[in-house]
C-alpha cells in the first residue's frame, strides 16, 4: 500500500496536518484524468492515465490518500499529487 498521510511545512514534519476531504475533492475535480467513482465510496477516484491495471485507483480516508500495489505509472501519479498537496 502507498499512502500520502500529512502535509508539512518542511521535510522534518514539525508542522503536520491531514489532507482534508475538501482538498482531495478539489484536486480530483481539477485533474482531467481523475474522476470520483461513487460505487466504491464518496472519495474513491479512478485514474484514466496509462497503467498496467484496468482501473487504477486512489482513495481518500481519514486524511490519507492511498492505493494498493501501484505500478510505476500510479507511483508517479501519487508523487505528482504529493507535490500539489505538499504531502509526504
Protein backbone atom coordinates (compact mmCIF):
# COMPACT_ATOMS: atom_id res chain seq x y z
CA UNK A 1 0.00 0.00 0.00
CA UNK A 2 1.19 3.50 -0.82
CA UNK A 3 -0.15 6.42 1.26
CA UNK A 4 0.11 10.18 1.50
CA UNK A 5 -0.54 10.94 5.15
CA UNK A 6 0.30 14.51 6.10
CA UNK A 7 1.19 17.89 4.76
CA UNK A 8 4.25 19.53 6.16
CA UNK A 9 5.80 22.99 6.05
CA UNK A 10 9.22 21.33 5.98
CA UNK A 11 10.58 17.84 5.47
CA UNK A 12 11.18 17.31 9.19
CA UNK A 13 7.41 17.14 9.62
CA UNK A 14 7.25 19.55 12.55
CA UNK A 15 4.10 21.22 11.27
CA UNK A 16 1.84 18.46 10.00
CA UNK A 17 -1.84 18.38 9.26
CA UNK A 18 -4.00 15.85 7.46
CA UNK A 19 -5.22 16.24 3.90
CA UNK A 20 -8.88 17.28 4.08
CA UNK A 21 -11.64 15.63 2.07
CA UNK A 22 -12.38 19.04 0.53
CA UNK A 23 -8.77 19.35 -0.69
CA UNK A 24 -8.92 15.85 -2.15
CA UNK A 25 -12.19 16.51 -3.99
CA UNK A 26 -10.86 19.83 -5.33
CA UNK A 27 -7.74 18.09 -6.60
CA UNK A 28 -9.79 15.36 -8.28
CA UNK A 29 -12.08 17.98 -9.83
CA UNK A 30 -9.11 19.91 -11.23
CA UNK A 31 -7.38 16.84 -12.71
CA UNK A 32 -8.81 15.71 -16.07
CA UNK A 33 -7.51 12.17 -15.53
CA UNK A 34 -9.10 11.64 -12.11
CA UNK A 35 -12.80 11.04 -11.50
CA UNK A 36 -14.78 10.04 -8.44
CA UNK A 37 -16.29 6.55 -8.65
CA UNK A 38 -19.19 6.73 -6.19
CA UNK A 39 -19.94 3.00 -6.37
CA UNK A 40 -16.79 2.50 -4.28
CA UNK A 41 -17.24 5.47 -1.95
CA UNK A 42 -17.53 9.24 -1.92
CA UNK A 43 -13.76 9.77 -2.13
CA UNK A 44 -12.71 6.85 -4.35
CA UNK A 45 -11.14 8.08 -7.60
CA UNK A 46 -10.27 6.27 -10.81
CA UNK A 47 -7.22 7.48 -12.73
CA UNK A 48 -7.51 7.32 -16.54
CA UNK A 49 -3.76 7.61 -17.12
CA UNK A 50 -1.58 4.87 -18.59
CA UNK A 51 -1.28 1.95 -16.18
CA UNK A 52 -0.87 -1.80 -16.35
CA UNK A 53 -4.15 -2.04 -14.40
CA UNK A 54 -7.61 -1.68 -15.96
CA UNK A 55 -8.87 0.75 -13.31
CA UNK A 56 -6.03 2.28 -11.31
CA UNK A 57 -7.47 3.94 -8.23
CA UNK A 58 -6.74 6.31 -5.37
CA UNK A 59 -8.85 6.72 -2.26
CA UNK A 60 -9.06 9.34 0.48
CA UNK A 61 -9.87 8.25 4.04
CA UNK A 62 -9.24 9.98 7.36
CA UNK A 63 -6.72 12.47 5.99
CA UNK A 64 -4.81 9.92 3.89
CA UNK A 65 -4.72 9.25 0.17
CA UNK A 66 -3.87 5.65 -0.65
CA UNK A 67 -3.70 2.99 -3.34
CA UNK A 68 -2.63 -0.67 -3.31
CA UNK A 69 0.02 -2.39 -5.41
CA UNK A 70 0.90 0.65 -7.53
CA UNK A 71 2.70 0.17 -10.80
CA UNK A 72 5.31 2.74 -11.85
CA UNK A 73 2.71 4.99 -13.52
CA UNK A 74 0.48 5.12 -10.43
CA UNK A 75 3.51 5.69 -8.21
CA UNK A 76 4.47 8.68 -10.38
CA UNK A 77 0.89 9.99 -10.17
CA UNK A 78 0.98 9.74 -6.37
CA UNK A 79 4.24 11.70 -6.34
CA UNK A 80 2.60 14.37 -8.52
CA UNK A 81 -0.34 14.57 -6.09
CA UNK A 82 2.04 14.75 -3.13
CA UNK A 83 3.79 17.69 -4.75
CA UNK A 84 0.49 19.51 -5.39
CA UNK A 85 -0.68 18.98 -1.80
CA UNK A 86 2.75 19.44 -0.20
CA UNK A 87 2.28 15.98 1.31
CA UNK A 88 4.66 13.26 2.48
